[in-house]
Protein backbone atom coordinates (compact mmCIF):
# COMPACT_ATOMS: atom_id res chain seq x y z
CA MET A 1 27.29 108.30 -13.60
CA ASP A 2 26.52 110.15 -16.93
CA ARG A 3 29.08 112.71 -17.09
CA ALA A 4 26.56 115.42 -18.21
CA VAL A 5 24.52 114.64 -15.49
CA ALA A 6 27.56 114.78 -12.89
CA THR A 7 28.46 118.24 -14.32
CA GLY A 8 25.40 119.81 -16.26
CA THR A 9 27.01 120.11 -19.43
CA ASP A 10 28.93 117.87 -21.99
CA SER A 11 31.75 116.39 -21.38
CA GLY A 12 34.15 118.68 -23.61
CA THR A 13 32.85 121.84 -21.91
CA ALA A 14 33.68 120.21 -18.31
CA GLY A 15 36.78 119.46 -19.46
CA TRP A 16 37.46 122.73 -19.89
CA GLU A 17 35.99 124.23 -16.71
CA PHE A 18 37.90 121.51 -15.05
CA GLY A 19 41.19 122.59 -16.11
CA ARG A 20 39.98 126.66 -15.74
CA MET A 21 39.34 125.80 -12.06
CA VAL A 22 42.56 124.06 -11.64
CA ARG A 23 44.31 126.80 -12.76
CA ARG A 24 42.30 129.19 -10.50
CA TRP A 25 43.13 127.04 -7.64
CA ARG A 26 46.72 126.69 -8.47
CA ASP A 27 47.37 130.43 -8.93
CA ALA A 28 45.69 130.92 -5.22
CA VAL A 29 48.00 128.44 -3.29
CA ALA A 30 51.23 129.95 -1.67
CA PRO A 31 54.20 127.87 -2.48
CA GLU A 32 55.36 128.25 1.42
CA ALA A 33 51.44 126.88 2.46
CA VAL A 34 52.45 123.41 0.80
CA GLY A 35 56.09 123.70 1.90
CA LEU A 36 57.90 124.78 -1.13
CA PRO A 37 60.75 127.30 -1.03
CA VAL A 38 60.35 130.77 -2.25
CA GLY A 39 63.40 132.12 -4.01
CA PRO A 40 64.02 135.82 -4.36
CA ARG A 41 63.33 135.53 -8.37
CA ARG A 42 60.11 133.75 -8.10
CA ARG A 43 57.41 135.68 -10.20
CA ALA A 44 54.48 133.40 -9.91
CA ALA A 45 52.33 134.13 -6.84
CA GLY A 46 50.87 130.74 -6.80
CA LEU A 47 52.17 127.14 -7.75
CA ARG A 48 53.99 126.44 -11.22
CA ARG A 49 52.42 123.93 -13.16
CA GLU A 50 55.03 121.37 -12.56
CA GLU A 51 54.95 121.99 -8.64
CA LEU A 52 51.63 120.57 -8.71
CA ALA A 53 52.36 118.09 -10.59
CA GLY A 54 55.07 116.76 -8.58
CA LEU A 55 52.84 117.24 -5.41
CA ALA A 56 49.94 115.24 -7.11
CA GLY A 57 51.77 112.54 -8.47
CA ILE A 58 50.91 113.06 -11.95
CA SER A 59 52.96 114.46 -14.93
CA ALA A 60 53.35 117.95 -15.63
CA ASP A 61 52.47 117.27 -19.28
CA TYR A 62 49.17 115.55 -18.01
CA LEU A 63 48.25 118.62 -16.28
CA THR A 64 48.83 120.70 -19.14
CA ARG A 65 46.83 118.90 -21.03
CA LEU A 66 44.04 119.05 -17.99
CA GLU A 67 44.36 122.25 -17.73
CA GLN A 68 43.82 123.19 -21.59
CA GLY A 69 41.17 121.34 -21.61
CA ARG A 70 42.72 118.52 -24.22
CA ALA A 71 42.60 116.06 -21.48
CA VAL A 72 39.21 114.90 -20.40
CA SER A 73 37.95 112.38 -18.11
CA PRO A 74 40.14 112.61 -15.44
CA SER A 75 39.94 109.24 -13.06
CA ALA A 76 38.49 109.97 -9.32
CA GLN A 77 41.94 109.29 -8.20
CA VAL A 78 43.78 112.16 -9.99
CA THR A 79 41.09 114.27 -9.14
CA GLU A 80 41.44 113.15 -5.36
CA ALA A 81 45.38 113.76 -5.86
CA LEU A 82 44.73 117.02 -7.41
CA ALA A 83 42.27 118.37 -4.50
CA ARG A 84 44.73 117.09 -1.93
CA ALA A 85 47.68 118.97 -3.90
CA LEU A 86 45.74 121.82 -4.03
CA ARG A 87 44.53 121.61 -0.22
CA LEU A 88 41.18 122.19 -1.36
CA PRO A 89 38.00 122.33 1.57
CA ASP A 90 35.27 119.85 1.24
CA ALA A 91 32.83 122.20 -0.94
CA GLU A 92 35.51 123.26 -3.43
CA ARG A 93 36.46 119.34 -3.41
CA ASP A 94 33.07 118.26 -4.42
CA ILE A 95 33.01 120.91 -7.17
CA LEU A 96 36.41 119.30 -8.71
CA TYR A 97 34.93 115.85 -8.48
CA ARG A 98 31.66 116.90 -10.42
CA LEU A 99 33.27 118.62 -13.12
CA ALA A 100 35.43 115.45 -13.52
CA GLY A 101 32.23 113.35 -14.00
CA HIS A 102 32.27 111.61 -10.47
CA ALA A 103 29.95 111.64 -7.41
CA PRO A 104 31.87 113.36 -4.80
CA PRO A 105 32.76 111.04 -1.69
CA CYS A 106 29.72 110.71 0.45
CA ARG A 107 29.71 110.08 4.35
CA SER A 108 28.39 106.81 3.64
CA GLU A 109 31.84 105.73 2.81
CA VAL A 110 35.16 105.67 5.08
CA PRO A 111 36.57 108.96 4.77
CA THR A 112 39.90 109.24 3.20
CA TYR A 113 40.22 112.71 2.19
CA ILE A 114 42.98 114.70 4.27
CA PRO A 115 41.43 118.16 4.76
CA PRO A 116 43.83 121.38 4.80
CA SER A 117 43.77 121.85 8.38
CA VAL A 118 45.52 118.56 8.76
CA HIS A 119 47.88 118.86 6.02
CA ARG A 120 49.10 122.06 8.02
CA LEU A 121 49.84 119.86 11.09
CA LEU A 122 51.67 117.50 8.87
CA ASP A 123 53.45 120.11 7.72
CA ARG A 124 54.20 121.18 11.36
CA LEU A 125 55.36 117.38 12.35
CA ALA A 126 57.42 117.20 8.85
CA GLY A 127 60.41 116.08 11.03
CA THR A 128 58.57 113.53 13.12
CA PRO A 129 57.34 110.14 12.12
CA VAL A 130 53.46 110.61 11.38
CA ALA A 131 50.95 108.22 9.59
CA VAL A 132 47.10 108.81 8.91
CA TYR A 133 44.76 105.77 9.21
CA ASP A 134 40.86 105.85 8.25
CA ALA A 135 38.10 104.26 10.33
CA THR A 136 39.03 100.93 9.46
CA GLN A 137 42.91 101.12 10.14
CA THR A 138 43.70 101.40 6.68
CA LEU A 139 46.81 103.69 5.93
CA VAL A 140 46.04 106.97 3.90
CA VAL A 141 49.36 108.55 4.03
CA ALA A 142 52.67 108.29 5.98
CA ASN A 143 55.57 110.88 5.84
CA ALA A 144 59.25 110.34 4.99
CA PRO A 145 60.31 110.16 8.82
CA TYR A 146 57.50 107.39 9.54
CA GLU A 147 59.16 105.03 6.64
CA ALA A 148 62.68 105.55 7.68
CA LEU A 149 61.13 104.06 11.08
CA MET A 150 58.90 101.73 10.19
CA GLY A 151 59.75 100.74 6.68
CA PRO A 152 58.70 101.61 3.37
CA THR A 153 55.06 101.62 2.70
CA SER A 154 54.85 103.43 -0.64
CA GLY A 155 54.81 99.74 -2.60
CA TRP A 156 51.91 98.53 -0.25
CA ARG A 157 48.62 97.90 -2.41
CA GLY A 158 44.84 97.40 -1.54
CA ILE A 159 44.62 95.12 1.60
CA GLU A 160 48.02 95.61 2.21
CA ARG A 161 47.69 98.84 3.79
CA ASN A 162 45.31 97.49 6.24
CA ALA A 163 46.83 97.52 9.86
CA LEU A 164 44.75 94.50 10.77
CA TRP A 165 45.87 92.20 7.73
CA ARG A 166 49.66 92.99 8.51
CA HIS A 167 49.53 91.66 12.19
CA LEU A 168 47.20 88.46 10.99
CA VAL A 169 48.29 87.89 7.42
CA GLY A 170 51.33 89.89 6.35
CA PRO A 171 54.62 90.24 7.67
CA GLY A 172 54.06 92.34 10.68
CA THR A 173 55.33 95.40 11.68
CA ARG A 174 58.82 96.49 13.21
CA VAL A 175 57.15 97.19 16.45
CA VAL A 176 58.35 94.33 19.33
CA HIS A 177 55.03 92.69 21.14
CA THR A 178 54.99 90.14 23.62
CA PRO A 179 52.18 87.46 22.52
CA GLU A 180 49.47 88.47 25.07
CA GLU A 181 50.15 92.41 23.67
CA GLU A 182 49.96 91.37 19.97
CA ASP A 183 46.57 89.28 20.97
CA ASP A 184 45.46 92.98 22.26
CA VAL A 185 46.59 95.06 19.42
CA VAL A 186 44.42 92.28 17.11
CA ALA A 187 41.32 92.24 18.98
CA ARG A 188 41.42 96.50 19.07
CA LEU A 189 41.92 96.51 15.36
CA THR A 190 39.11 93.81 14.89
CA ALA A 191 36.99 95.88 17.18
CA ASP A 192 37.89 99.10 15.19
CA LEU A 193 36.84 97.15 11.88
CA ARG A 194 33.38 96.14 13.69
CA LEU A 195 32.60 99.90 14.57
CA ALA A 196 33.27 100.86 10.96
CA THR A 197 31.00 98.26 9.63
CA VAL A 198 28.31 99.79 11.51
CA ARG A 199 29.28 103.70 10.66
CA TYR A 200 29.71 102.70 6.80
CA PRO A 201 27.52 99.82 6.12
CA GLY A 202 27.11 101.19 2.74
CA ASP A 203 30.73 101.09 1.76
CA PRO A 204 31.61 98.23 -0.38
CA ARG A 205 35.52 98.73 0.28
CA VAL A 206 34.46 97.88 4.28
CA ALA A 207 32.37 94.71 3.55
CA ARG A 208 35.27 93.54 0.69
CA LEU A 209 38.02 94.06 3.42
CA VAL A 210 35.73 91.74 6.19
CA ARG A 211 35.49 89.16 3.11
CA GLU A 212 38.96 89.02 2.48
CA LEU A 213 40.19 88.90 5.95
CA THR A 214 37.96 86.22 6.58
CA ALA A 215 38.82 84.16 3.52
CA LEU A 216 42.69 84.39 4.79
CA SER A 217 42.78 84.19 8.70
CA PRO A 218 41.20 81.82 10.84
CA ARG A 219 42.33 84.15 13.57
CA PHE A 220 39.94 86.73 12.31
CA VAL A 221 37.01 84.41 11.58
CA GLU A 222 37.19 83.47 15.38
CA LEU A 223 37.42 87.20 16.80
CA TRP A 224 34.83 88.15 14.11
CA GLY A 225 32.02 85.41 15.06
CA SER A 226 32.55 85.89 18.40
CA GLY A 227 31.40 89.25 18.68
CA ALA A 228 34.18 90.23 21.31
CA PRO A 229 33.98 93.48 22.18
CA GLU A 230 37.26 95.83 22.66
CA PRO A 231 39.66 95.03 25.36
CA ALA A 232 38.91 97.07 28.12
CA ARG A 233 42.93 97.54 29.20
CA ASP A 234 43.94 100.89 27.63
CA PRO A 235 46.72 100.27 25.15
CA SER A 236 50.24 101.78 25.78
CA ARG A 237 51.16 104.45 24.40
CA HIS A 238 55.06 103.29 24.80
CA LYS A 239 56.33 101.29 21.85
CA VAL A 240 59.53 99.33 20.73
CA VAL A 241 60.56 99.75 17.58
CA ASP A 242 63.30 96.73 16.15
CA HIS A 243 65.04 98.94 13.73
CA PRO A 244 67.15 97.32 11.58
CA THR A 245 70.08 99.65 11.46
CA VAL A 246 70.05 101.33 15.05
CA GLY A 247 68.55 98.60 16.81
CA LEU A 248 65.94 98.83 19.30
CA VAL A 249 64.17 102.26 19.58
CA ALA A 250 61.73 103.37 22.68
CA VAL A 251 58.99 105.50 21.22
CA ASP A 252 56.02 107.05 22.68
CA CYS A 253 52.94 106.53 20.36
CA ASP A 254 50.02 109.37 20.33
CA VAL A 255 46.92 108.77 18.34
CA LEU A 256 45.39 112.03 17.62
CA VAL A 257 41.52 111.98 16.23
CA VAL A 258 40.18 114.23 13.85
CA ALA A 259 36.42 113.58 14.55
CA ALA A 260 34.84 115.38 11.81
CA ASP A 261 36.90 113.46 9.22
CA ASP A 262 37.02 109.97 11.21
CA LEU A 263 40.78 109.95 10.73
CA ARG A 264 43.68 108.73 13.09
CA ILE A 265 46.81 111.03 13.11
CA MET A 266 49.74 108.46 14.79
CA VAL A 267 52.78 110.36 16.08
CA TYR A 268 55.79 108.96 17.09
CA THR A 269 58.30 110.72 19.69
CA ALA A 270 61.17 109.72 21.85
CA GLU A 271 61.66 111.69 25.18
CA PRO A 272 64.15 114.39 24.50
CA GLY A 273 67.87 113.85 25.89
CA THR A 274 67.88 110.07 25.94
CA GLU A 275 69.63 107.65 23.61
CA ASP A 276 66.28 106.55 22.23
CA ALA A 277 66.00 110.34 21.00
CA ASP A 278 69.09 109.83 19.36
CA ARG A 279 68.42 106.53 17.87
CA LEU A 280 65.31 107.88 16.60
CA ALA A 281 66.96 110.73 15.03
CA LEU A 282 69.91 108.44 13.62
CA ALA A 283 67.24 106.13 12.10
CA VAL A 284 65.00 109.17 10.73
CA VAL A 285 68.27 110.78 8.93
CA LEU A 286 69.63 107.25 7.45
CA GLY A 287 65.97 105.96 6.76
CA THR A 288 65.24 109.29 4.80
CA GLN A 289 68.56 108.84 3.04
CA GLU A 290 67.61 105.56 1.57
CA LEU A 291 64.68 106.24 0.40
CA ASP A 292 65.64 109.61 -1.60
CA GLU A 293 68.17 107.05 -2.98
CA GLU A 294 65.36 104.38 -3.95
CA ALA A 295 63.26 106.66 -5.25
CA GLY A 296 65.55 108.64 -7.37
CA PRO A 297 65.24 112.41 -8.59
CA ARG A 298 61.98 113.63 -8.01
CA PRO A 299 60.07 115.92 -10.19
CA PRO A 300 60.35 119.45 -9.47
CA GLY A 301 58.00 120.55 -6.38
CA ARG A 302 57.87 116.77 -5.25
CA ARG A 303 58.36 116.64 -1.48
CA GLY A 304 59.79 113.83 0.53
CA PRO A 305 57.04 113.55 3.26
CA ALA A 306 54.44 113.25 0.83
CA ARG A 307 54.48 109.61 0.56
CA SER A 308 51.18 107.47 0.80
CA GLY A 309 52.12 102.45 7.61
CA ARG A 310 51.59 100.63 12.42
């Protein structure tokens, strides 16, 4: 898409306007709204530049150049990261996309945008293992406690982030399944993907996922070709996780569906006062410490629970 068409102006003016809007929205975001501490000497009412950069996963220098109009043509990935960090609602997110010269994500594509209301929910559950999946059961984001329980996900790329791929082709997960339970999980994930192809027939990412799974997994070819419906038996919310340090942990997995955005929020808890609750708490503490050590020092404002899998 031509940038002048997308923004209604030339790229230089659009770049300046993009930066102006980012500064305006940055000044309007309260630090506590994104989980940042507010000290007694703080003067800025909104986010500091380095704080927004840390939340968005970009350098403070690049954000400075964007805000000053010295850097133009931010990628769609950078635009999305800034929109998420600023907690922009859909209308304002679309404005930011257009100013960057990109078409806003449309409903013909599988939604991956996490709205501010879901961000607030994730903030409230910051100490609980939580992961968000899209309609194809591809990981959108996982917090630090989830990675501590289930293993690191930040290194996953492309198809590696899809739950069906991990069960059929990849290394699997830490959740313990009998062969029958594993077959049931795979059948359900395949049914979810089939439904996504119906809901989003024009999304090239969905078509590519089906092609890649077809090329990699004979089991997927069998299930996909049979047109088998989703199993009638409801999946159990009770899971057993084989953690490498604390051993077996029995947890409940509840799935919260965000219907308007076609997202699935997976929340893992253990019954209070049980050994499993103690093991879960220990796994989260130990795992979070390991993740922090591997990541090294974070840029100012970068939160631990902002990692972007079942």
